[in-house]
N, C-alpha and C. Protein backbone atom coordinates (compact mmCIF):
# COMPACT_ATOMS: atom_id res chain seq x y z
N MET A 1 110.92 121.72 30.84
CA MET A 1 111.79 121.95 32.01
C MET A 1 111.69 123.41 32.46
N ASP A 2 111.55 123.62 33.76
CA ASP A 2 111.42 124.95 34.30
C ASP A 2 112.78 125.62 34.34
N ALA A 3 112.97 126.69 33.54
CA ALA A 3 114.27 127.34 33.44
C ALA A 3 114.67 128.01 34.75
N ALA A 4 113.67 128.35 35.59
CA ALA A 4 113.96 129.05 36.84
C ALA A 4 114.40 128.09 37.95
N ARG A 5 114.22 126.80 37.73
CA ARG A 5 114.55 125.82 38.77
C ARG A 5 116.04 125.51 38.74
N PRO A 6 116.74 125.61 39.88
CA PRO A 6 118.19 125.36 39.88
C PRO A 6 118.49 123.90 39.57
N THR A 7 119.60 123.68 38.93
CA THR A 7 120.02 122.32 38.57
C THR A 7 121.44 122.10 39.07
N GLY A 8 121.90 120.84 38.97
CA GLY A 8 123.27 120.51 39.31
C GLY A 8 123.61 120.86 40.75
N TRP A 9 124.84 121.41 40.95
CA TRP A 9 125.30 121.71 42.31
C TRP A 9 124.41 122.74 42.98
N ALA A 10 123.85 123.67 42.21
CA ALA A 10 122.97 124.70 42.78
C ALA A 10 121.72 124.07 43.38
N ALA A 11 121.18 123.07 42.69
CA ALA A 11 120.00 122.37 43.22
C ALA A 11 120.35 121.63 44.50
N ARG A 12 121.52 120.99 44.53
CA ARG A 12 121.92 120.27 45.74
C ARG A 12 122.11 121.22 46.91
N LEU A 13 122.71 122.39 46.63
CA LEU A 13 122.94 123.37 47.68
C LEU A 13 121.62 123.89 48.22
N THR A 14 120.66 124.13 47.33
CA THR A 14 119.35 124.61 47.75
C THR A 14 118.69 123.62 48.69
N VAL A 15 118.77 122.33 48.35
CA VAL A 15 118.17 121.30 49.20
C VAL A 15 118.85 121.26 50.56
N ILE A 16 120.18 121.34 50.53
CA ILE A 16 120.93 121.26 51.78
C ILE A 16 120.61 122.43 52.69
N GLU A 17 120.47 123.62 52.12
CA GLU A 17 120.22 124.80 52.93
C GLU A 17 118.82 124.78 53.54
N THR A 18 117.87 124.12 52.90
CA THR A 18 116.49 124.16 53.38
C THR A 18 116.07 122.87 54.08
N ASP A 19 116.79 121.79 53.91
CA ASP A 19 116.40 120.52 54.52
C ASP A 19 116.49 120.57 56.03
N ASP A 20 115.65 119.78 56.70
CA ASP A 20 115.77 119.64 58.14
C ASP A 20 116.84 118.59 58.44
N ASP A 21 117.11 118.39 59.73
CA ASP A 21 118.18 117.48 60.12
C ASP A 21 117.95 116.06 59.62
N ALA A 22 116.71 115.60 59.69
CA ALA A 22 116.42 114.22 59.28
C ALA A 22 116.77 114.01 57.81
N ALA A 23 116.43 114.99 56.98
CA ALA A 23 116.74 114.87 55.56
C ALA A 23 118.24 114.92 55.32
N LEU A 24 118.93 115.78 56.06
CA LEU A 24 120.38 115.87 55.91
C LEU A 24 121.05 114.59 56.35
N VAL A 25 120.57 113.98 57.43
CA VAL A 25 121.14 112.71 57.89
C VAL A 25 120.93 111.64 56.83
N ALA A 26 119.74 111.60 56.25
CA ALA A 26 119.46 110.61 55.21
C ALA A 26 120.40 110.78 54.03
N ARG A 27 120.64 112.01 53.63
CA ARG A 27 121.55 112.27 52.51
C ARG A 27 122.99 111.91 52.89
N ALA A 28 123.38 112.25 54.13
CA ALA A 28 124.74 111.94 54.58
C ALA A 28 124.96 110.43 54.62
N LYS A 29 123.93 109.67 55.00
CA LYS A 29 124.05 108.21 55.02
C LYS A 29 124.30 107.66 53.62
N ARG A 30 123.83 108.38 52.61
CA ARG A 30 124.04 107.93 51.22
C ARG A 30 125.37 108.42 50.67
N GLY A 31 126.17 109.04 51.53
CA GLY A 31 127.50 109.47 51.11
C GLY A 31 127.59 110.91 50.65
N ASP A 32 126.58 111.70 50.94
CA ASP A 32 126.57 113.11 50.52
C ASP A 32 127.41 113.93 51.52
N ASP A 33 128.63 114.26 51.12
CA ASP A 33 129.53 115.00 52.01
C ASP A 33 129.02 116.41 52.29
N ASP A 34 128.34 117.02 51.32
CA ASP A 34 127.82 118.37 51.53
C ASP A 34 126.75 118.37 52.62
N ALA A 35 125.94 117.33 52.66
CA ALA A 35 124.91 117.23 53.69
C ALA A 35 125.55 117.09 55.06
N PHE A 36 126.59 116.27 55.16
CA PHE A 36 127.27 116.11 56.45
C PHE A 36 127.93 117.42 56.86
N ARG A 37 128.54 118.11 55.92
CA ARG A 37 129.16 119.41 56.22
C ARG A 37 128.12 120.36 56.79
N ARG A 38 126.92 120.35 56.21
CA ARG A 38 125.87 121.24 56.68
C ARG A 38 125.46 120.88 58.12
N LEU A 39 125.42 119.61 58.44
CA LEU A 39 125.12 119.19 59.81
C LEU A 39 126.19 119.69 60.78
N VAL A 40 127.44 119.59 60.36
CA VAL A 40 128.54 120.08 61.20
C VAL A 40 128.39 121.58 61.45
N GLU A 41 128.15 122.34 60.38
CA GLU A 41 128.02 123.79 60.52
C GLU A 41 126.84 124.16 61.41
N ARG A 42 125.76 123.39 61.29
CA ARG A 42 124.54 123.71 62.04
C ARG A 42 124.71 123.45 63.54
N HIS A 43 125.52 122.45 63.91
CA HIS A 43 125.57 122.04 65.31
C HIS A 43 126.93 122.20 65.97
N GLN A 44 127.90 122.78 65.27
CA GLN A 44 129.24 122.86 65.84
C GLN A 44 129.29 123.80 67.05
N ALA A 45 128.43 124.82 67.10
CA ALA A 45 128.43 125.72 68.24
C ALA A 45 127.98 125.00 69.51
N ALA A 46 126.96 124.15 69.39
CA ALA A 46 126.47 123.39 70.55
C ALA A 46 127.54 122.43 71.05
N VAL A 47 128.23 121.78 70.12
CA VAL A 47 129.31 120.87 70.51
C VAL A 47 130.44 121.64 71.19
N ALA A 48 130.78 122.80 70.64
CA ALA A 48 131.86 123.60 71.22
C ALA A 48 131.52 124.06 72.63
N ARG A 49 130.26 124.47 72.86
CA ARG A 49 129.86 124.90 74.20
C ARG A 49 130.02 123.77 75.21
N THR A 50 129.61 122.59 74.82
CA THR A 50 129.70 121.44 75.73
C THR A 50 131.15 121.09 76.03
N VAL A 51 131.96 121.00 74.99
CA VAL A 51 133.35 120.59 75.18
C VAL A 51 134.14 121.64 75.96
N CYS A 52 133.94 122.92 75.62
CA CYS A 52 134.66 123.97 76.33
C CYS A 52 134.19 124.09 77.78
N GLY A 53 132.91 123.82 78.01
CA GLY A 53 132.42 123.82 79.38
C GLY A 53 133.09 122.74 80.21
N MET A 54 133.35 121.60 79.60
CA MET A 54 133.98 120.49 80.31
C MET A 54 135.49 120.66 80.44
N LEU A 55 136.13 121.15 79.40
CA LEU A 55 137.60 121.15 79.35
C LEU A 55 138.23 122.53 79.41
N GLY A 56 137.43 123.58 79.21
CA GLY A 56 138.01 124.90 79.02
C GLY A 56 138.38 125.08 77.56
N ALA A 57 138.60 126.31 77.15
CA ALA A 57 138.95 126.58 75.75
C ALA A 57 140.42 126.28 75.51
N GLY A 58 140.72 125.68 74.38
CA GLY A 58 142.11 125.38 74.05
C GLY A 58 142.22 124.26 73.04
N ASP A 59 143.44 123.88 72.74
CA ASP A 59 143.67 122.86 71.72
C ASP A 59 143.01 121.53 72.07
N ASP A 60 143.02 121.16 73.34
CA ASP A 60 142.41 119.89 73.73
C ASP A 60 140.92 119.89 73.43
N ALA A 61 140.27 121.02 73.72
CA ALA A 61 138.84 121.13 73.44
C ALA A 61 138.58 121.03 71.93
N ASP A 62 139.44 121.67 71.14
CA ASP A 62 139.31 121.58 69.69
C ASP A 62 139.42 120.13 69.22
N ASP A 63 140.39 119.43 69.76
CA ASP A 63 140.61 118.03 69.37
C ASP A 63 139.40 117.17 69.74
N VAL A 64 138.86 117.38 70.93
CA VAL A 64 137.72 116.59 71.37
C VAL A 64 136.48 116.92 70.54
N GLY A 65 136.32 118.20 70.18
CA GLY A 65 135.20 118.57 69.32
C GLY A 65 135.28 117.89 67.96
N GLN A 66 136.47 117.85 67.39
CA GLN A 66 136.66 117.16 66.11
C GLN A 66 136.41 115.67 66.26
N GLU A 67 136.87 115.11 67.37
CA GLU A 67 136.64 113.69 67.63
C GLU A 67 135.15 113.38 67.69
N ALA A 68 134.38 114.29 68.28
CA ALA A 68 132.93 114.08 68.39
C ALA A 68 132.29 113.98 67.01
N PHE A 69 132.69 114.84 66.09
CA PHE A 69 132.10 114.80 64.75
C PHE A 69 132.58 113.57 63.97
N VAL A 70 133.81 113.15 64.20
CA VAL A 70 134.28 111.91 63.56
C VAL A 70 133.45 110.73 64.04
N ARG A 71 133.21 110.67 65.35
CA ARG A 71 132.41 109.58 65.90
C ARG A 71 130.96 109.64 65.41
N PHE A 72 130.44 110.85 65.27
CA PHE A 72 129.08 111.02 64.74
C PHE A 72 129.01 110.48 63.31
N HIS A 73 130.02 110.79 62.49
CA HIS A 73 130.05 110.31 61.11
C HIS A 73 130.11 108.78 61.08
N GLN A 74 130.92 108.22 61.97
CA GLN A 74 131.05 106.76 62.02
C GLN A 74 129.75 106.09 62.48
N ALA A 75 128.96 106.82 63.28
CA ALA A 75 127.73 106.25 63.85
C ALA A 75 126.48 106.58 63.03
N LEU A 76 126.66 107.25 61.91
CA LEU A 76 125.50 107.68 61.12
C LEU A 76 124.55 106.53 60.79
N GLU A 77 125.11 105.41 60.38
CA GLU A 77 124.27 104.29 59.96
C GLU A 77 123.39 103.78 61.10
N SER A 78 123.85 103.90 62.32
CA SER A 78 123.08 103.39 63.46
C SER A 78 122.15 104.44 64.05
N PHE A 79 122.23 105.69 63.56
CA PHE A 79 121.37 106.75 64.09
C PHE A 79 119.96 106.58 63.55
N ARG A 80 118.99 106.43 64.44
CA ARG A 80 117.60 106.16 64.05
C ARG A 80 116.67 107.33 64.36
N GLY A 81 117.20 108.43 64.82
CA GLY A 81 116.37 109.59 65.06
C GLY A 81 115.53 109.52 66.32
N GLU A 82 115.91 108.67 67.27
CA GLU A 82 115.15 108.56 68.52
C GLU A 82 115.33 109.79 69.39
N SER A 83 116.39 110.53 69.16
CA SER A 83 116.57 111.85 69.78
C SER A 83 116.94 112.81 68.66
N SER A 84 116.95 114.10 68.94
CA SER A 84 117.33 115.06 67.91
C SER A 84 118.81 114.90 67.58
N VAL A 85 119.20 115.37 66.40
CA VAL A 85 120.61 115.31 66.01
C VAL A 85 121.46 116.08 67.01
N ARG A 86 120.96 117.23 67.44
CA ARG A 86 121.76 118.05 68.39
C ARG A 86 121.97 117.31 69.70
N THR A 87 120.90 116.71 70.23
CA THR A 87 121.04 115.96 71.48
C THR A 87 122.01 114.80 71.31
N TYR A 88 121.90 114.11 70.19
CA TYR A 88 122.77 112.97 69.91
C TYR A 88 124.23 113.42 69.82
N LEU A 89 124.46 114.54 69.14
CA LEU A 89 125.82 115.06 69.00
C LEU A 89 126.39 115.53 70.33
N VAL A 90 125.57 116.21 71.12
CA VAL A 90 126.03 116.67 72.43
C VAL A 90 126.35 115.47 73.32
N ARG A 91 125.55 114.40 73.20
CA ARG A 91 125.83 113.18 73.97
C ARG A 91 127.21 112.62 73.58
N ILE A 92 127.49 112.58 72.29
CA ILE A 92 128.79 112.09 71.83
C ILE A 92 129.90 113.01 72.33
N ALA A 93 129.69 114.33 72.21
CA ALA A 93 130.70 115.29 72.64
C ALA A 93 130.97 115.16 74.14
N MET A 94 129.91 114.98 74.91
CA MET A 94 130.08 114.82 76.35
C MET A 94 130.85 113.54 76.67
N SER A 95 130.54 112.47 75.96
CA SER A 95 131.25 111.21 76.15
C SER A 95 132.74 111.37 75.85
N CYS A 96 133.05 112.07 74.76
CA CYS A 96 134.45 112.30 74.39
C CYS A 96 135.15 113.14 75.45
N ALA A 97 134.46 114.17 75.96
CA ALA A 97 135.05 115.04 76.98
C ALA A 97 135.29 114.27 78.28
N LEU A 98 134.32 113.45 78.66
CA LEU A 98 134.49 112.65 79.87
C LEU A 98 135.64 111.66 79.73
N ASN A 99 135.79 111.07 78.55
CA ASN A 99 136.91 110.17 78.31
C ASN A 99 138.24 110.90 78.43
N ALA A 100 138.27 112.14 77.92
CA ALA A 100 139.49 112.94 78.00
C ALA A 100 139.84 113.23 79.46
N LEU A 101 138.83 113.53 80.26
CA LEU A 101 139.07 113.82 81.68
C LEU A 101 139.50 112.57 82.44
N ARG A 102 138.76 111.50 82.23
CA ARG A 102 139.06 110.28 82.98
C ARG A 102 140.41 109.70 82.61
N GLY A 103 140.80 109.87 81.37
CA GLY A 103 142.09 109.34 80.94
C GLY A 103 143.23 110.29 81.23
N GLN A 104 142.90 111.44 81.81
CA GLN A 104 143.91 112.45 82.13
C GLN A 104 144.76 112.77 80.91
N ARG A 105 144.06 112.96 79.76
CA ARG A 105 144.77 113.25 78.52
C ARG A 105 144.75 114.74 78.20
N ARG A 106 144.71 115.56 79.24
CA ARG A 106 144.70 116.99 78.97
C ARG A 106 145.59 117.74 79.95
N ARG A 107 146.05 118.88 79.57
CA ARG A 107 146.77 119.74 80.48
C ARG A 107 145.76 120.72 81.09
N GLU A 108 146.19 121.43 82.11
CA GLU A 108 145.29 122.40 82.74
C GLU A 108 145.00 123.52 81.74
N LEU A 109 143.72 123.87 81.56
CA LEU A 109 143.31 124.87 80.59
C LEU A 109 142.62 126.03 81.31
N ARG A 110 142.59 127.16 80.64
CA ARG A 110 141.94 128.35 81.19
C ARG A 110 141.04 128.97 80.13
N PHE A 111 140.02 129.70 80.60
CA PHE A 111 139.16 130.41 79.66
C PHE A 111 139.91 131.57 79.00
N VAL A 112 140.86 132.16 79.71
CA VAL A 112 141.64 133.27 79.15
C VAL A 112 143.10 132.88 79.16
N ARG A 113 143.87 133.41 78.21
CA ARG A 113 145.28 133.08 78.12
C ARG A 113 146.07 133.83 79.16
N ASP A 114 147.18 133.21 79.59
CA ASP A 114 148.01 133.82 80.62
C ASP A 114 148.54 135.18 80.19
N ASP A 115 148.90 135.32 78.89
CA ASP A 115 149.48 136.59 78.47
C ASP A 115 148.45 137.71 78.51
N VAL A 116 147.16 137.38 78.32
CA VAL A 116 146.12 138.39 78.43
C VAL A 116 146.01 138.86 79.88
N ALA A 117 146.07 137.90 80.81
CA ALA A 117 145.98 138.25 82.23
C ALA A 117 147.16 139.12 82.64
N LEU A 118 148.37 138.79 82.16
CA LEU A 118 149.55 139.57 82.49
C LEU A 118 149.47 140.97 81.90
N GLU A 119 148.98 141.08 80.68
CA GLU A 119 148.84 142.38 80.04
C GLU A 119 147.86 143.25 80.80
N SER A 120 146.78 142.64 81.28
CA SER A 120 145.78 143.39 82.04
C SER A 120 146.37 143.92 83.33
N ALA A 121 147.20 143.11 83.98
CA ALA A 121 147.80 143.52 85.25
C ALA A 121 148.77 144.67 85.04
N ALA A 122 149.43 144.69 83.88
CA ALA A 122 150.43 145.72 83.61
C ALA A 122 149.81 147.03 83.15
N ASP A 123 148.59 147.00 82.65
CA ASP A 123 147.95 148.17 82.06
C ASP A 123 146.80 148.62 82.95
N PRO A 124 146.93 149.78 83.65
CA PRO A 124 145.85 150.24 84.53
C PRO A 124 144.54 150.45 83.79
N GLY A 125 144.61 150.73 82.50
CA GLY A 125 143.40 150.97 81.73
C GLY A 125 142.58 149.73 81.50
N THR A 126 143.13 148.57 81.84
CA THR A 126 142.38 147.32 81.62
C THR A 126 142.08 146.62 82.93
N GLN A 127 142.01 147.37 84.00
CA GLN A 127 141.77 146.76 85.32
C GLN A 127 140.41 146.06 85.37
N GLN A 128 139.39 146.71 84.76
CA GLN A 128 138.07 146.08 84.78
C GLN A 128 138.08 144.77 84.03
N ALA A 129 138.73 144.76 82.84
CA ALA A 129 138.84 143.53 82.07
C ALA A 129 139.62 142.48 82.86
N GLY A 130 140.66 142.94 83.58
CA GLY A 130 141.44 142.02 84.39
C GLY A 130 140.61 141.39 85.48
N ALA A 131 139.72 142.20 86.09
CA ALA A 131 138.85 141.66 87.15
C ALA A 131 137.91 140.62 86.58
N GLU A 132 137.39 140.89 85.37
CA GLU A 132 136.49 139.93 84.73
C GLU A 132 137.25 138.65 84.38
N ASP A 133 138.50 138.81 83.92
CA ASP A 133 139.31 137.63 83.62
C ASP A 133 139.57 136.83 84.89
N GLY A 134 139.83 137.54 85.99
CA GLY A 134 140.07 136.85 87.24
C GLY A 134 138.87 136.06 87.70
N GLN A 135 137.67 136.62 87.50
CA GLN A 135 136.46 135.90 87.86
C GLN A 135 136.29 134.66 86.99
N ALA A 136 136.58 134.82 85.69
CA ALA A 136 136.48 133.68 84.78
C ALA A 136 137.44 132.57 85.18
N LEU A 137 138.64 132.97 85.61
CA LEU A 137 139.62 131.98 86.05
C LEU A 137 139.13 131.24 87.30
N ARG A 138 138.50 131.98 88.21
CA ARG A 138 137.99 131.34 89.43
C ARG A 138 136.87 130.37 89.11
N ILE A 139 136.01 130.75 88.18
CA ILE A 139 134.92 129.86 87.78
C ILE A 139 135.48 128.61 87.12
N ARG A 140 136.46 128.80 86.23
CA ARG A 140 137.08 127.66 85.57
C ARG A 140 137.73 126.74 86.59
N ASP A 141 138.42 127.33 87.54
CA ASP A 141 139.08 126.54 88.57
C ASP A 141 138.06 125.77 89.41
N ALA A 142 136.93 126.44 89.72
CA ALA A 142 135.88 125.77 90.50
C ALA A 142 135.29 124.60 89.72
N LEU A 143 135.08 124.79 88.43
CA LEU A 143 134.58 123.69 87.61
C LEU A 143 135.57 122.54 87.56
N ASP A 144 136.85 122.88 87.47
CA ASP A 144 137.88 121.84 87.40
C ASP A 144 137.97 121.03 88.70
N ARG A 145 137.54 121.62 89.81
CA ARG A 145 137.58 120.92 91.08
C ARG A 145 136.44 119.90 91.22
N LEU A 146 135.40 120.04 90.39
CA LEU A 146 134.30 119.08 90.42
C LEU A 146 134.74 117.78 89.76
N ASN A 147 134.20 116.66 90.22
CA ASN A 147 134.51 115.42 89.49
C ASN A 147 133.79 115.45 88.15
N ALA A 148 134.16 114.57 87.26
CA ALA A 148 133.67 114.62 85.88
C ALA A 148 132.15 114.54 85.79
N GLU A 149 131.53 113.67 86.59
CA GLU A 149 130.08 113.49 86.53
C GLU A 149 129.34 114.74 87.00
N HIS A 150 129.82 115.35 88.08
CA HIS A 150 129.18 116.56 88.58
C HIS A 150 129.39 117.73 87.63
N ARG A 151 130.59 117.81 87.05
CA ARG A 151 130.87 118.89 86.10
C ARG A 151 129.95 118.78 84.88
N ALA A 152 129.71 117.56 84.42
CA ALA A 152 128.86 117.37 83.25
C ALA A 152 127.44 117.89 83.51
N VAL A 153 126.93 117.64 84.70
CA VAL A 153 125.58 118.10 85.03
C VAL A 153 125.55 119.63 85.11
N VAL A 154 126.58 120.24 85.69
CA VAL A 154 126.63 121.69 85.79
C VAL A 154 126.70 122.32 84.41
N VAL A 155 127.52 121.77 83.54
CA VAL A 155 127.65 122.31 82.18
C VAL A 155 126.31 122.26 81.45
N LEU A 156 125.65 121.11 81.52
CA LEU A 156 124.40 120.95 80.77
C LEU A 156 123.24 121.71 81.39
N ARG A 157 123.10 121.64 82.72
CA ARG A 157 121.95 122.26 83.38
C ARG A 157 122.12 123.75 83.60
N LEU A 158 123.29 124.19 84.07
CA LEU A 158 123.47 125.59 84.43
C LEU A 158 124.06 126.43 83.30
N LEU A 159 125.09 125.92 82.63
CA LEU A 159 125.72 126.71 81.57
C LEU A 159 124.92 126.68 80.28
N GLU A 160 124.44 125.50 79.89
CA GLU A 160 123.68 125.38 78.65
C GLU A 160 122.17 125.50 78.88
N GLU A 161 121.76 125.52 80.14
CA GLU A 161 120.36 125.70 80.52
C GLU A 161 119.44 124.64 79.90
N ARG A 162 119.91 123.40 79.89
CA ARG A 162 119.07 122.31 79.41
C ARG A 162 118.17 121.82 80.54
N SER A 163 117.06 121.22 80.18
CA SER A 163 116.14 120.71 81.19
C SER A 163 116.75 119.48 81.87
N THR A 164 116.15 119.12 83.00
CA THR A 164 116.60 117.91 83.69
C THR A 164 116.42 116.69 82.79
N LYS A 165 115.32 116.65 82.07
CA LYS A 165 115.05 115.52 81.17
C LYS A 165 116.09 115.44 80.05
N GLU A 166 116.39 116.60 79.43
CA GLU A 166 117.40 116.62 78.37
C GLU A 166 118.76 116.18 78.91
N THR A 167 119.10 116.69 80.08
CA THR A 167 120.39 116.34 80.69
C THR A 167 120.48 114.84 80.96
N ALA A 168 119.39 114.29 81.49
CA ALA A 168 119.36 112.85 81.76
C ALA A 168 119.48 112.05 80.46
N ASP A 169 118.85 112.54 79.40
CA ASP A 169 118.90 111.86 78.11
C ASP A 169 120.33 111.87 77.55
N ILE A 170 120.98 113.02 77.65
CA ILE A 170 122.34 113.14 77.12
C ILE A 170 123.31 112.27 77.91
N LEU A 171 123.18 112.29 79.23
CA LEU A 171 124.10 111.52 80.08
C LEU A 171 123.67 110.08 80.25
N GLN A 172 122.43 109.78 79.82
CA GLN A 172 121.87 108.43 79.90
C GLN A 172 121.87 107.92 81.35
N VAL A 173 121.35 108.77 82.23
CA VAL A 173 121.15 108.43 83.63
C VAL A 173 119.74 108.84 84.02
N PRO A 174 119.20 108.32 85.13
CA PRO A 174 117.86 108.74 85.57
C PRO A 174 117.83 110.23 85.94
N GLU A 175 116.65 110.84 85.83
CA GLU A 175 116.51 112.25 86.19
C GLU A 175 116.86 112.49 87.65
N GLY A 176 116.52 111.53 88.52
CA GLY A 176 116.87 111.67 89.94
C GLY A 176 118.37 111.77 90.15
N THR A 177 119.14 111.05 89.33
CA THR A 177 120.60 111.11 89.42
C THR A 177 121.10 112.49 89.03
N VAL A 178 120.48 113.06 87.99
CA VAL A 178 120.85 114.41 87.57
C VAL A 178 120.62 115.40 88.71
N LEU A 179 119.47 115.31 89.35
CA LEU A 179 119.13 116.24 90.43
C LEU A 179 120.07 116.09 91.62
N SER A 180 120.40 114.86 91.99
CA SER A 180 121.28 114.66 93.14
C SER A 180 122.70 115.14 92.83
N ARG A 181 123.17 114.87 91.62
CA ARG A 181 124.52 115.34 91.24
C ARG A 181 124.56 116.86 91.19
N LEU A 182 123.50 117.46 90.67
CA LEU A 182 123.46 118.92 90.59
C LEU A 182 123.46 119.53 91.98
N SER A 183 122.71 118.96 92.88
CA SER A 183 122.66 119.48 94.26
C SER A 183 124.03 119.42 94.91
N ARG A 184 124.72 118.30 94.76
CA ARG A 184 126.06 118.16 95.35
C ARG A 184 127.05 119.15 94.69
N ALA A 185 126.94 119.28 93.37
CA ALA A 185 127.85 120.18 92.65
C ALA A 185 127.65 121.62 93.08
N ILE A 186 126.39 122.03 93.25
CA ILE A 186 126.11 123.41 93.66
C ILE A 186 126.66 123.68 95.06
N ARG A 187 126.51 122.72 95.96
CA ARG A 187 127.06 122.89 97.30
C ARG A 187 128.57 123.11 97.25
N GLN A 188 129.24 122.33 96.39
CA GLN A 188 130.69 122.47 96.29
C GLN A 188 131.07 123.80 95.65
N LEU A 189 130.33 124.21 94.63
CA LEU A 189 130.62 125.49 93.97
C LEU A 189 130.43 126.66 94.91
N ARG A 190 129.41 126.59 95.75
CA ARG A 190 129.18 127.67 96.72
C ARG A 190 130.38 127.82 97.66
N VAL A 191 130.93 126.70 98.10
CA VAL A 191 132.08 126.73 99.00
C VAL A 191 133.31 127.24 98.27
N THR A 192 133.54 126.74 97.05
CA THR A 192 134.75 127.08 96.31
C THR A 192 134.74 128.53 95.84
N LEU A 193 133.60 129.01 95.38
CA LEU A 193 133.53 130.35 94.79
C LEU A 193 133.21 131.44 95.80
N GLY A 194 132.60 131.09 96.90
CA GLY A 194 132.28 132.11 97.90
C GLY A 194 131.40 133.20 97.31
N PRO A 195 131.79 134.49 97.50
CA PRO A 195 130.97 135.61 97.01
C PRO A 195 130.75 135.59 95.49
N VAL A 196 131.69 135.01 94.77
CA VAL A 196 131.53 134.96 93.30
C VAL A 196 130.31 134.15 92.93
N TRP A 197 129.99 133.11 93.72
CA TRP A 197 128.84 132.28 93.41
C TRP A 197 127.55 133.10 93.41
N ALA A 198 127.43 134.00 94.39
CA ALA A 198 126.23 134.85 94.47
C ALA A 198 126.09 135.72 93.23
N GLU A 199 127.23 136.19 92.71
CA GLU A 199 127.19 137.05 91.52
C GLU A 199 126.79 136.28 90.27
N VAL A 200 127.36 135.10 90.07
CA VAL A 200 127.12 134.37 88.83
C VAL A 200 125.81 133.60 88.85
N SER A 201 125.23 133.39 90.04
CA SER A 201 124.00 132.60 90.12
C SER A 201 122.75 133.47 90.16
N GLU A 202 122.92 134.80 90.11
CA GLU A 202 121.76 135.69 90.14
C GLU A 202 120.94 135.57 88.87
């Protein structure tokens, strides 16, 4: 026996840290909780970006993000690797976010908290930060004015910079639908944001 080779929990941790997604999924399907935890840690940022893009940052987004991972765990047995784990997870997260929007199960959310905005207004030394917060609020408001389908395309194509093909795969619609929705969404954002659109789209 090689004394330098890790054994027990150390060996399992070594495998988990170096395995690719396919290997981790296979281990998770066999009931390996550490492997599933590693998948969550590896992809939670991508899920958070998608959910927060759709809903804004806040408790509702946290709940939807957790729901996405619960649904992913429940669907592990049916996952066949036809898309990457990240794409599959983002698809689930987007579905959960769209359900939250369509069911009107959320309150109005903002990228910045109201007390931060008030503090900025009261403190002349934070005027620049206040202006940036104001722009973020306008962008959030403009996104909220889009219907759910158009918002999803904007989040994936513009905020996450995914390709048209990836976006179509995640939303499970034709690429032409992605392009038409994006075109309509951009027209609406230009009207809603005015000069701000020119700044953020450069």
